[in-house]
Amino acid sequence: MGEAVIIPFPVRATTEAGEQQRLRRALADLQTALAEQKKALDDWRFAMTELGVGVSGLGLALGTYQESLGDVEKKLGGLRAETATLESWADGILKDHLPATSAAPR
């Protein structure tokens, strides 16, 4: 078998100035990413605040709705009592003024 020849990868010739430029670009990219992340976090905080305000408003609206339902329940209770009174009155009128029904012939 023949011996394998190892071909080395080319090595970039880097200079101090080239390295500094690469680091500056990387730092600029990092600063841009951090600024975007800060903006996203600020937007998220604002959205959470708006959500809190909306949920608070919903809670107040539900409380008002619950009070309204309580009022309706009270009114219905009064109407039930009136209905029972009218029903008793009507039963009394019918009992006193209608002729007694006789059993049907067989």
PDB file of N, CA and C in Angstrom:
ATOM      1  N   MET A   1       0.826  -1.170   0.000  1.00  0.00           N
ATOM      2  CA  MET A   1       0.000   0.000   0.000  1.00  0.00           C
ATOM      3  C   MET A   1       0.870   1.232   0.000  1.00  0.00           C
ATOM      4  N   GLY A   2       0.332   2.216  -0.668  1.00  0.00           N
ATOM      5  CA  GLY A   2       1.079   3.453  -0.722  1.00  0.00           C
ATOM      6  C   GLY A   2       0.769   4.326   0.484  1.00  0.00           C
ATOM      7  N   GLU A   3       1.639   5.207   0.716  1.00  0.00           N
ATOM      8  CA  GLU A   3       1.408   6.108   1.842  1.00  0.00           C
ATOM      9  C   GLU A   3       0.458   7.204   1.430  1.00  0.00           C
ATOM     10  N   ALA A   4      -0.443   7.575   2.367  1.00  0.00           N
ATOM     11  CA  ALA A   4      -1.413   8.637   2.102  1.00  0.00           C
ATOM     12  C   ALA A   4      -0.743   9.992   2.239  1.00  0.00           C
ATOM     13  N   VAL A   5      -1.170  10.850   1.370  1.00  0.00           N
ATOM     14  CA  VAL A   5      -0.623  12.202   1.412  1.00  0.00           C
ATOM     15  C   VAL A   5      -1.654  13.082   2.121  1.00  0.00           C
ATOM     16  N   ILE A   6      -1.252  13.736   3.134  1.00  0.00           N
ATOM     17  CA  ILE A   6      -2.148  14.625   3.875  1.00  0.00           C
ATOM     18  C   ILE A   6      -1.996  16.020   3.304  1.00  0.00           C
ATOM     19  N   ILE A   7      -3.139  16.530   2.874  1.00  0.00           N
ATOM     20  CA  ILE A   7      -3.132  17.884   2.314  1.00  0.00           C
ATOM     21  C   ILE A   7      -3.661  18.819   3.399  1.00  0.00           C
ATOM     22  N   PRO A   8      -2.881  19.723   3.854  1.00  0.00           N
ATOM     23  CA  PRO A   8      -3.348  20.631   4.913  1.00  0.00           C
ATOM     24  C   PRO A   8      -4.350  21.649   4.369  1.00  0.00           C
ATOM     25  N   PHE A   9      -5.330  21.989   5.240  1.00  0.00           N
ATOM     26  CA  PHE A   9      -6.263  23.048   4.864  1.00  0.00           C
ATOM     27  C   PHE A   9      -5.506  24.359   4.812  1.00  0.00           C
ATOM     28  N   PRO A  10      -5.926  25.200   3.897  1.00  0.00           N
ATOM     29  CA  PRO A  10      -5.244  26.494   3.840  1.00  0.00           C
ATOM     30  C   PRO A  10      -5.550  27.310   5.104  1.00  0.00           C
ATOM     31  N   VAL A  11      -4.591  27.950   5.584  1.00  0.00           N
ATOM     32  CA  VAL A  11      -4.733  28.779   6.778  1.00  0.00           C
ATOM     33  C   VAL A  11      -4.875  30.216   6.324  1.00  0.00           C
ATOM     34  N   ARG A  12      -5.904  30.854   6.885  1.00  0.00           N
ATOM     35  CA  ARG A  12      -6.094  32.265   6.529  1.00  0.00           C
ATOM     36  C   ARG A  12      -5.011  33.102   7.189  1.00  0.00           C
ATOM     37  N   ALA A  13      -4.561  33.939   6.417  1.00  0.00           N
ATOM     38  CA  ALA A  13      -3.591  34.868   6.977  1.00  0.00           C
ATOM     39  C   ALA A  13      -4.390  35.978   7.644  1.00  0.00           C
ATOM     40  N   THR A  14      -4.291  36.064   8.933  1.00  0.00           N
ATOM     41  CA  THR A  14      -5.029  37.098   9.651  1.00  0.00           C
ATOM     42  C   THR A  14      -4.051  38.114  10.177  1.00  0.00           C
ATOM     43  N   THR A  15      -4.515  39.282  10.118  1.00  0.00           N
ATOM     44  CA  THR A  15      -3.702  40.364  10.658  1.00  0.00           C
ATOM     45  C   THR A  15      -4.408  40.895  11.889  1.00  0.00           C
ATOM     46  N   GLU A  16      -3.694  41.624  12.624  1.00  0.00           N
ATOM     47  CA  GLU A  16      -4.276  42.229  13.834  1.00  0.00           C
ATOM     48  C   GLU A  16      -5.442  43.132  13.454  1.00  0.00           C
ATOM     49  N   ALA A  17      -5.295  43.889  12.378  1.00  0.00           N
ATOM     50  CA  ALA A  17      -6.355  44.792  11.929  1.00  0.00           C
ATOM     51  C   ALA A  17      -7.578  43.997  11.487  1.00  0.00           C
ATOM     52  N   GLY A  18      -7.364  42.868  10.795  1.00  0.00           N
ATOM     53  CA  GLY A  18      -8.473  42.020  10.353  1.00  0.00           C
ATOM     54  C   GLY A  18      -9.230  41.429  11.532  1.00  0.00           C
ATOM     55  N   GLU A  19      -8.511  41.004  12.547  1.00  0.00           N
ATOM     56  CA  GLU A  19      -9.139  40.458  13.755  1.00  0.00           C
ATOM     57  C   GLU A  19      -9.956  41.527  14.474  1.00  0.00           C
ATOM     58  N   GLN A  20      -9.387  42.727  14.539  1.00  0.00           N
ATOM     59  CA  GLN A  20     -10.105  43.823  15.201  1.00  0.00           C
ATOM     60  C   GLN A  20     -11.394  44.158  14.456  1.00  0.00           C
ATOM     61  N   GLN A  21     -11.318  44.146  13.128  1.00  0.00           N
ATOM     62  CA  GLN A  21     -12.512  44.434  12.318  1.00  0.00           C
ATOM     63  C   GLN A  21     -13.568  43.354  12.538  1.00  0.00           C
ATOM     64  N   ARG A  22     -13.139  42.107  12.567  1.00  0.00           N
ATOM     65  CA  ARG A  22     -14.077  41.001  12.799  1.00  0.00           C
ATOM     66  C   ARG A  22     -14.725  41.127  14.176  1.00  0.00           C
ATOM     67  N   LEU A  23     -13.957  41.478  15.177  1.00  0.00           N
ATOM     68  CA  LEU A  23     -14.498  41.668  16.524  1.00  0.00           C
ATOM     69  C   LEU A  23     -15.458  42.854  16.579  1.00  0.00           C
ATOM     70  N   ARG A  24     -15.136  43.931  15.852  1.00  0.00           N
ATOM     71  CA  ARG A  24     -16.043  45.087  15.811  1.00  0.00           C
ATOM     72  C   ARG A  24     -17.386  44.706  15.197  1.00  0.00           C
ATOM     73  N   ARG A  25     -17.331  43.933  14.102  1.00  0.00           N
ATOM     74  CA  ARG A  25     -18.579  43.489  13.462  1.00  0.00           C
ATOM     75  C   ARG A  25     -19.384  42.602  14.406  1.00  0.00           C
ATOM     76  N   ALA A  26     -18.706  41.695  15.081  1.00  0.00           N
ATOM     77  CA  ALA A  26     -19.390  40.799  16.014  1.00  0.00           C
ATOM     78  C   ALA A  26     -20.019  41.591  17.161  1.00  0.00           C
ATOM     79  N   LEU A  27     -19.306  42.591  17.658  1.00  0.00           N
ATOM     80  CA  LEU A  27     -19.834  43.422  18.735  1.00  0.00           C
ATOM     81  C   LEU A  27     -21.040  44.231  18.255  1.00  0.00           C
ATOM     82  N   ALA A  28     -20.938  44.768  17.039  1.00  0.00           N
ATOM     83  CA  ALA A  28     -22.061  45.530  16.478  1.00  0.00           C
ATOM     84  C   ALA A  28     -23.286  44.624  16.313  1.00  0.00           C
ATOM     85  N   ASP A  29     -23.078  43.392  15.827  1.00  0.00           N
ATOM     86  CA  ASP A  29     -24.184  42.441  15.685  1.00  0.00           C
ATOM     87  C   ASP A  29     -24.795  42.100  17.047  1.00  0.00           C
ATOM     88  N   LEU A  30     -23.938  41.941  18.037  1.00  0.00           N
ATOM     89  CA  LEU A  30     -24.415  41.644  19.380  1.00  0.00           C
ATOM     90  C   LEU A  30     -25.220  42.813  19.937  1.00  0.00           C
ATOM     91  N   GLN A  31     -24.744  44.021  19.739  1.00  0.00           N
ATOM     92  CA  GLN A  31     -25.479  45.194  20.214  1.00  0.00           C
ATOM     93  C   GLN A  31     -26.833  45.315  19.514  1.00  0.00           C
ATOM     94  N   THR A  32     -26.871  45.025  18.228  1.00  0.00           N
ATOM     95  CA  THR A  32     -28.132  45.064  17.484  1.00  0.00           C
ATOM     96  C   THR A  32     -29.094  44.013  18.036  1.00  0.00           C
ATOM     97  N   ALA A  33     -28.593  42.812  18.269  1.00  0.00           N
ATOM     98  CA  ALA A  33     -29.439  41.740  18.810  1.00  0.00           C
ATOM     99  C   ALA A  33     -29.967  42.101  20.191  1.00  0.00           C
ATOM    100  N   LEU A  34     -29.118  42.697  21.026  1.00  0.00           N
ATOM    101  CA  LEU A  34     -29.548  43.105  22.367  1.00  0.00           C
ATOM    102  C   LEU A  34     -30.603  44.213  22.298  1.00  0.00           C
ATOM    103  N   ALA A  35     -30.431  45.153  21.381  1.00  0.00           N
ATOM    104  CA  ALA A  35     -31.415  46.232  21.218  1.00  0.00           C
ATOM    105  C   ALA A  35     -32.760  45.656  20.765  1.00  0.00           C
ATOM    106  N   GLU A  36     -32.716  44.702  19.831  1.00  0.00           N
ATOM    107  CA  GLU A  36     -33.960  44.064  19.366  1.00  0.00           C
ATOM    108  C   GLU A  36     -34.617  43.279  20.491  1.00  0.00           C
ATOM    109  N   GLN A  37     -33.805  42.610  21.285  1.00  0.00           N
ATOM    110  CA  GLN A  37     -34.340  41.844  22.405  1.00  0.00           C
ATOM    111  C   GLN A  37     -34.959  42.778  23.447  1.00  0.00           C
ATOM    112  N   LYS A  38     -34.311  43.908  23.703  1.00  0.00           N
ATOM    113  CA  LYS A  38     -34.861  44.886  24.652  1.00  0.00           C
ATOM    114  C   LYS A  38     -36.193  45.420  24.139  1.00  0.00           C
ATOM    115  N   LYS A  39     -36.280  45.717  22.848  1.00  0.00           N
ATOM    116  CA  LYS A  39     -37.531  46.205  22.251  1.00  0.00           C
ATOM    117  C   LYS A  39     -38.622  45.148  22.382  1.00  0.00           C
ATOM    118  N   ALA A  40     -38.284  43.902  22.106  1.00  0.00           N
ATOM    119  CA  ALA A  40     -39.260  42.818  22.227  1.00  0.00           C
ATOM    120  C   ALA A  40     -39.739  42.676  23.666  1.00  0.00           C
ATOM    121  N   LEU A  41     -38.831  42.802  24.619  1.00  0.00           N
ATOM    122  CA  LEU A  41     -39.195  42.706  26.030  1.00  0.00           C
ATOM    123  C   LEU A  41     -40.078  43.881  26.441  1.00  0.00           C
ATOM    124  N   ASP A  42     -39.746  45.081  25.971  1.00  0.00           N
ATOM    125  CA  ASP A  42     -40.590  46.250  26.256  1.00  0.00           C
ATOM    126  C   ASP A  42     -41.987  46.075  25.666  1.00  0.00           C
ATOM    127  N   ASP A  43     -42.069  45.562  24.443  1.00  0.00           N
ATOM    128  CA  ASP A  43     -43.369  45.301  23.808  1.00  0.00           C
ATOM    129  C   ASP A  43     -44.153  44.268  24.605  1.00  0.00           C
ATOM    130  N   TRP A  44     -43.475  43.230  25.075  1.00  0.00           N
ATOM    131  CA  TRP A  44     -44.136  42.182  25.860  1.00  0.00           C
ATOM    132  C   TRP A  44     -44.667  42.762  27.171  1.00  0.00           C
ATOM    133  N   ARG A  45     -43.868  43.581  27.839  1.00  0.00           N
ATOM    134  CA  ARG A  45     -44.315  44.206  29.096  1.00  0.00           C
ATOM    135  C   ARG A  45     -45.532  45.092  28.856  1.00  0.00           C
ATOM    136  N   PHE A  46     -45.517  45.842  27.775  1.00  0.00           N
ATOM    137  CA  PHE A  46     -46.652  46.704  27.436  1.00  0.00           C
ATOM    138  C   PHE A  46     -47.897  45.849  27.185  1.00  0.00           C
ATOM    139  N   ALA A  47     -47.726  44.756  26.456  1.00  0.00           N
ATOM    140  CA  ALA A  47     -48.857  43.864  26.183  1.00  0.00           C
ATOM    141  C   ALA A  47     -49.403  43.262  27.478  1.00  0.00           C
ATOM    142  N   MET A  48     -48.524  42.904  28.402  1.00  0.00           N
ATOM    143  CA  MET A  48     -48.969  42.350  29.692  1.00  0.00           C
ATOM    144  C   MET A  48     -49.738  43.401  30.497  1.00  0.00           C
ATOM    145  N   THR A  49     -49.277  44.655  30.425  1.00  0.00           N
ATOM    146  CA  THR A  49     -49.983  45.740  31.106  1.00  0.00           C
ATOM    147  C   THR A  49     -51.372  45.921  30.506  1.00  0.00           C
ATOM    148  N   GLU A  50     -51.452  45.934  29.176  1.00  0.00           N
ATOM    149  CA  GLU A  50     -52.756  46.058  28.518  1.00  0.00           C
ATOM    150  C   GLU A  50     -53.663  44.887  28.867  1.00  0.00           C
ATOM    151  N   LEU A  51     -53.099  43.702  28.915  1.00  0.00           N
ATOM    152  CA  LEU A  51     -53.878  42.527  29.283  1.00  0.00           C
ATOM    153  C   LEU A  51     -54.406  42.662  30.701  1.00  0.00           C
ATOM    154  N   GLY A  52     -53.567  43.149  31.611  1.00  0.00           N
ATOM    155  CA  GLY A  52     -53.999  43.358  32.993  1.00  0.00           C
ATOM    156  C   GLY A  52     -55.146  44.350  33.087  1.00  0.00           C
ATOM    157  N   VAL A  53     -55.050  45.430  32.314  1.00  0.00           N
ATOM    158  CA  VAL A  53     -56.115  46.428  32.305  1.00  0.00           C
ATOM    159  C   VAL A  53     -57.395  45.809  31.751  1.00  0.00           C
ATOM    160  N   GLY A  54     -57.273  45.037  30.683  1.00  0.00           N
ATOM    161  CA  GLY A  54     -58.448  44.390  30.087  1.00  0.00           C
ATOM    162  C   GLY A  54     -59.093  43.395  31.031  1.00  0.00           C
ATOM    163  N   VAL A  55     -58.280  42.612  31.707  1.00  0.00           N
ATOM    164  CA  VAL A  55     -58.811  41.615  32.649  1.00  0.00           C
ATOM    165  C   VAL A  55     -59.473  42.319  33.829  1.00  0.00           C
ATOM    166  N   SER A  56     -58.890  43.412  34.282  1.00  0.00           N
ATOM    167  CA  SER A  56     -59.478  44.178  35.380  1.00  0.00           C
ATOM    168  C   SER A  56     -60.842  44.732  34.965  1.00  0.00           C
ATOM    169  N   GLY A  57     -60.915  45.277  33.760  1.00  0.00           N
ATOM    170  CA  GLY A  57     -62.192  45.781  33.238  1.00  0.00           C
ATOM    171  C   GLY A  57     -63.215  44.674  33.111  1.00  0.00           C
ATOM    172  N   LEU A  58     -62.763  43.521  32.683  1.00  0.00           N
ATOM    173  CA  LEU A  58     -63.670  42.375  32.568  1.00  0.00           C
ATOM    174  C   LEU A  58     -64.190  41.974  33.942  1.00  0.00           C
ATOM    175  N   GLY A  59     -63.316  42.001  34.943  1.00  0.00           N
ATOM    176  CA  GLY A  59     -63.745  41.675  36.309  1.00  0.00           C
ATOM    177  C   GLY A  59     -64.803  42.641  36.804  1.00  0.00           C
ATOM    178  N   LEU A  60     -64.601  43.929  36.536  1.00  0.00           N
ATOM    179  CA  LEU A  60     -65.600  44.925  36.942  1.00  0.00           C
ATOM    180  C   LEU A  60     -66.921  44.699  36.218  1.00  0.00           C
ATOM    181  N   ALA A  61     -66.847  44.410  34.928  1.00  0.00           N
ATOM    182  CA  ALA A  61     -68.064  44.175  34.148  1.00  0.00           C
ATOM    183  C   ALA A  61     -68.806  42.937  34.658  1.00  0.00           C
ATOM    184  N   LEU A  62     -68.062  41.902  35.012  1.00  0.00           N
ATOM    185  CA  LEU A  62     -68.706  40.692  35.536  1.00  0.00           C
ATOM    186  C   LEU A  62     -69.354  40.958  36.892  1.00  0.00           C
ATOM    187  N   GLY A  63     -68.723  41.802  37.709  1.00  0.00           N
ATOM    188  CA  GLY A  63     -69.326  42.172  38.990  1.00  0.00           C
ATOM    189  C   GLY A  63     -70.642  42.907  38.787  1.00  0.00           C
ATOM    190  N   THR A  64     -70.658  43.836  37.837  1.00  0.00           N
ATOM    191  CA  THR A  64     -71.888  44.572  37.520  1.00  0.00           C
ATOM    192  C   THR A  64     -72.952  43.614  36.994  1.00  0.00           C
ATOM    193  N   TYR A  65     -72.554  42.692  36.148  1.00  0.00           N
ATOM    194  CA  TYR A  65     -73.492  41.713  35.597  1.00  0.00           C
ATOM    195  C   TYR A  65     -74.071  40.848  36.711  1.00  0.00           C
ATOM    196  N   GLN A  66     -73.235  40.450  37.662  1.00  0.00           N
ATOM    197  CA  GLN A  66     -73.701  39.638  38.783  1.00  0.00           C
ATOM    198  C   GLN A  66     -74.726  40.412  39.614  1.00  0.00           C
ATOM    199  N   GLU A  67     -74.471  41.698  39.844  1.00  0.00           N
ATOM    200  CA  GLU A  67     -75.434  42.518  40.570  1.00  0.00           C
ATOM    201  C   GLU A  67     -76.755  42.602  39.820  1.00  0.00           C
ATOM    202  N   SER A  68     -76.669  42.759  38.493  1.00  0.00           N
ATOM    203  CA  SER A  68     -77.885  42.823  37.677  1.00  0.00           C
ATOM    204  C   SER A  68     -78.671  41.523  37.769  1.00  0.00           C
ATOM    205  N   LEU A  69     -77.947  40.411  37.745  1.00  0.00           N
ATOM    206  CA  LEU A  69     -78.630  39.122  37.879  1.00  0.00           C
ATOM    207  C   LEU A  69     -79.307  38.994  39.237  1.00  0.00           C
ATOM    208  N   GLY A  70     -78.682  39.521  40.283  1.00  0.00           N
ATOM    209  CA  GLY A  70     -79.297  39.515  41.613  1.00  0.00           C
ATOM    210  C   GLY A  70     -80.577  40.325  41.620  1.00  0.00           C
ATOM    211  N   ASP A  71     -80.567  41.486  40.950  1.00  0.00           N
ATOM    212  CA  ASP A  71     -81.778  42.308  40.861  1.00  0.00           C
ATOM    213  C   ASP A  71     -82.883  41.577  40.115  1.00  0.00           C
ATOM    214  N   VAL A  72     -82.525  40.916  39.027  1.00  0.00           N
ATOM    215  CA  VAL A  72     -83.504  40.157  38.253  1.00  0.00           C
ATOM    216  C   VAL A  72     -84.088  39.031  39.108  1.00  0.00           C
ATOM    217  N   GLU A  73     -83.235  38.378  39.878  1.00  0.00           N
ATOM    218  CA  GLU A  73     -83.708  37.291  40.747  1.00  0.00           C
ATOM    219  C   GLU A  73     -84.718  37.816  41.771  1.00  0.00           C
ATOM    220  N   LYS A  74     -84.446  38.979  42.352  1.00  0.00           N
ATOM    221  CA  LYS A  74     -85.385  39.567  43.310  1.00  0.00           C
ATOM    222  C   LYS A  74     -86.713  39.884  42.648  1.00  0.00           C
ATOM    223  N   LYS A  75     -86.653  40.465  41.450  1.00  0.00           N
ATOM    224  CA  LYS A  75     -87.886  40.803  40.723  1.00  0.00           C
ATOM    225  C   LYS A  75     -88.671  39.549  40.380  1.00  0.00           C
ATOM    226  N   LEU A  76     -87.965  38.496  39.962  1.00  0.00           N
ATOM    227  CA  LEU A  76     -88.648  37.242  39.641  1.00  0.00           C
ATOM    228  C   LEU A  76     -89.286  36.629  40.879  1.00  0.00           C
ATOM    229  N   GLY A  77     -88.623  36.749  42.008  1.00  0.00           N
ATOM    230  CA  GLY A  77     -89.203  36.252  43.257  1.00  0.00           C
ATOM    231  C   GLY A  77     -90.509  36.963  43.568  1.00  0.00           C
ATOM    232  N   GLY A  78     -90.541  38.280  43.374  1.00  0.00           N
ATOM    233  CA  GLY A  78     -91.771  39.049  43.580  1.00  0.00           C
ATOM    234  C   GLY A  78     -92.851  38.636  42.598  1.00  0.00           C
ATOM    235  N   LEU A  79     -92.466  38.412  41.355  1.00  0.00           N
ATOM    236  CA  LEU A  79     -93.447  37.976  40.346  1.00  0.00           C
ATOM    237  C   LEU A  79     -93.991  36.588  40.671  1.00  0.00           C
ATOM    238  N   ARG A  80     -93.140  35.699  41.191  1.00  0.00           N
ATOM    239  CA  ARG A  80     -93.618  34.371  41.591  1.00  0.00           C
ATOM    240  C   ARG A  80     -94.671  34.486  42.686  1.00  0.00           C
ATOM    241  N   ALA A  81     -94.403  35.355  43.641  1.00  0.00           N
ATOM    242  CA  ALA A  81     -95.359  35.541  44.738  1.00  0.00           C
ATOM    243  C   ALA A  81     -96.674  36.104  44.195  1.00  0.00           C
ATOM    244  N   GLU A  82     -96.579  37.088  43.289  1.00  0.00           N
ATOM    245  CA  GLU A  82     -97.805  37.646  42.690  1.00  0.00           C
ATOM    246  C   GLU A  82     -98.550  36.588  41.883  1.00  0.00           C
ATOM    247  N   THR A  83     -97.807  35.764  41.164  1.00  0.00           N
ATOM    248  CA  THR A  83     -98.425  34.698  40.373  1.00  0.00           C
ATOM    249  C   THR A  83     -99.166  33.727  41.276  1.00  0.00           C
ATOM    250  N   ALA A  84     -98.558  33.348  42.369  1.00  0.00           N
ATOM    251  CA  ALA A  84     -99.210  32.426  43.302  1.00  0.00           C
ATOM    252  C   ALA A  84    -100.472  33.061  43.874  1.00  0.00           C
ATOM    253  N   THR A  85    -100.421  34.349  44.207  1.00  0.00           N
ATOM    254  CA  THR A  85    -101.602  35.048  44.733  1.00  0.00           C
ATOM    255  C   THR A  85    -102.714  35.086  43.699  1.00  0.00           C
ATOM    256  N   LEU A  86    -102.365  35.437  42.456  1.00  0.00           N
ATOM    257  CA  LEU A  86    -103.369  35.483  41.382  1.00  0.00           C
ATOM    258  C   LEU A  86    -103.937  34.100  41.097  1.00  0.00           C
ATOM    259  N   GLU A  87    -103.102  33.094  41.151  1.00  0.00           N
ATOM    260  CA  GLU A  87    -103.574  31.734  40.916  1.00  0.00           C
ATOM    261  C   GLU A  87    -104.566  31.313  42.003  1.00  0.00           C
ATOM    262  N   SER A  88    -104.259  31.624  43.233  1.00  0.00           N
ATOM    263  CA  SER A  88    -105.179  31.302  44.336  1.00  0.00           C
ATOM    264  C   SER A  88    -106.481  32.065  44.173  1.00  0.00           C
ATOM    265  N   TRP A  89    -106.371  33.329  43.820  1.00  0.00           N
ATOM    266  CA  TRP A  89    -107.578  34.138  43.612  1.00  0.00           C
ATOM    267  C   TRP A  89    -108.434  33.551  42.494  1.00  0.00           C
ATOM    268  N   ALA A  90    -107.798  33.195  41.368  1.00  0.00           N
ATOM    269  CA  ALA A  90    -108.527  32.626  40.230  1.00  0.00           C
ATOM    270  C   ALA A  90    -109.149  31.288  40.607  1.00  0.00           C
ATOM    271  N   ASP A  91    -108.430  30.462  41.345  1.00  0.00           N
ATOM    272  CA  ASP A  91    -108.996  29.178  41.790  1.00  0.00           C
ATOM    273  C   ASP A  91    -110.222  29.413  42.671  1.00  0.00           C
ATOM    274  N   GLY A  92    -110.146  30.409  43.555  1.00  0.00           N
ATOM    275  CA  GLY A  92    -111.288  30.732  44.413  1.00  0.00           C
ATOM    276  C   GLY A  92    -112.478  31.203  43.608  1.00  0.00           C
ATOM    277  N   ILE A  93    -112.252  32.066  42.628  1.00  0.00           N
ATOM    278  CA  ILE A  93    -113.341  32.569  41.773  1.00  0.00           C
ATOM    279  C   ILE A  93    -113.965  31.409  41.015  1.00  0.00           C
ATOM    280  N   LEU A  94    -113.147  30.574  40.434  1.00  0.00           N
ATOM    281  CA  LEU A  94    -113.670  29.456  39.652  1.00  0.00           C
ATOM    282  C   LEU A  94    -114.449  28.491  40.550  1.00  0.00           C
ATOM    283  N   LYS A  95    -113.992  28.251  41.735  1.00  0.00           N
ATOM    284  CA  LYS A  95    -114.636  27.333  42.663  1.00  0.00           C
ATOM    285  C   LYS A  95    -115.999  27.876  43.081  1.00  0.00           C
ATOM    286  N   ASP A  96    -116.053  29.186  43.320  1.00  0.00           N
ATOM    287  CA  ASP A  96    -117.295  29.800  43.790  1.00  0.00           C
ATOM    288  C   ASP A  96    -118.291  30.037  42.679  1.00  0.00           C
ATOM    289  N   HIS A  97    -117.881  30.233  41.471  1.00  0.00           N
ATOM    290  CA  HIS A  97    -118.792  30.657  40.405  1.00  0.00           C
ATOM    291  C   HIS A  97    -119.062  29.623  39.326  1.00  0.00           C
ATOM    292  N   LEU A  98    -118.376  28.539  39.313  1.00  0.00           N
ATOM    293  CA  LEU A  98    -118.645  27.509  38.312  1.00  0.00           C
ATOM    294  C   LEU A  98    -119.523  26.429  38.929  1.00  0.00           C
ATOM    295  N   PRO A  99    -120.459  25.947  38.159  1.00  0.00           N
ATOM    296  CA  PRO A  99    -121.296  24.859  38.686  1.00  0.00           C
ATOM    297  C   PRO A  99    -120.445  23.603  38.888  1.00  0.00           C
ATOM    298  N   ALA A 100    -120.844  22.845  39.876  1.00  0.00           N
ATOM    299  CA  ALA A 100    -120.117  21.602  40.146  1.00  0.00           C
ATOM    300  C   ALA A 100    -120.325  20.670  38.980  1.00  0.00           C
ATOM    301  N   THR A 101    -119.306  19.995  38.603  1.00  0.00           N
ATOM    302  CA  THR A 101    -119.423  19.069  37.490  1.00  0.00           C
ATOM    303  C   THR A 101    -119.914  17.736  38.029  1.00  0.00           C
ATOM    304  N   SER A 102    -120.832  17.164  37.309  1.00  0.00           N
ATOM    305  CA  SER A 102    -121.327  15.855  37.728  1.00  0.00           C
ATOM    306  C   SER A 102    -120.551  14.785  37.016  1.00  0.00           C
ATOM    307  N   ALA A 103    -120.573  13.662  37.583  1.00  0.00           N
ATOM    308  CA  ALA A 103    -119.840  12.549  36.973  1.00  0.00           C
ATOM    309  C   ALA A 103    -120.487  12.205  35.636  1.00  0.00           C
ATOM    310  N   ALA A 104    -119.735  11.865  34.697  1.00  0.00           N
ATOM    311  CA  ALA A 104    -120.247  11.513  33.380  1.00  0.00           C
ATOM    312  C   ALA A 104    -120.992  10.198  33.462  1.00  0.00           C
ATOM    313  N   PRO A 105    -122.150  10.086  32.758  1.00  0.00           N
ATOM    314  CA  PRO A 105    -122.892   8.819  32.784  1.00  0.00           C
ATOM    315  C   PRO A 105    -122.087   7.695  32.154  1.00  0.00           C
ATOM    316  N   ARG A 106    -122.376   6.512  32.693  1.00  0.00           N
ATOM    317  CA  ARG A 106    -121.650   5.358  32.177  1.00  0.00           C
ATOM    318  C   ARG A 106    -122.466   4.564  31.236  1.00  0.00           C
TER     319      ARG A 106
END
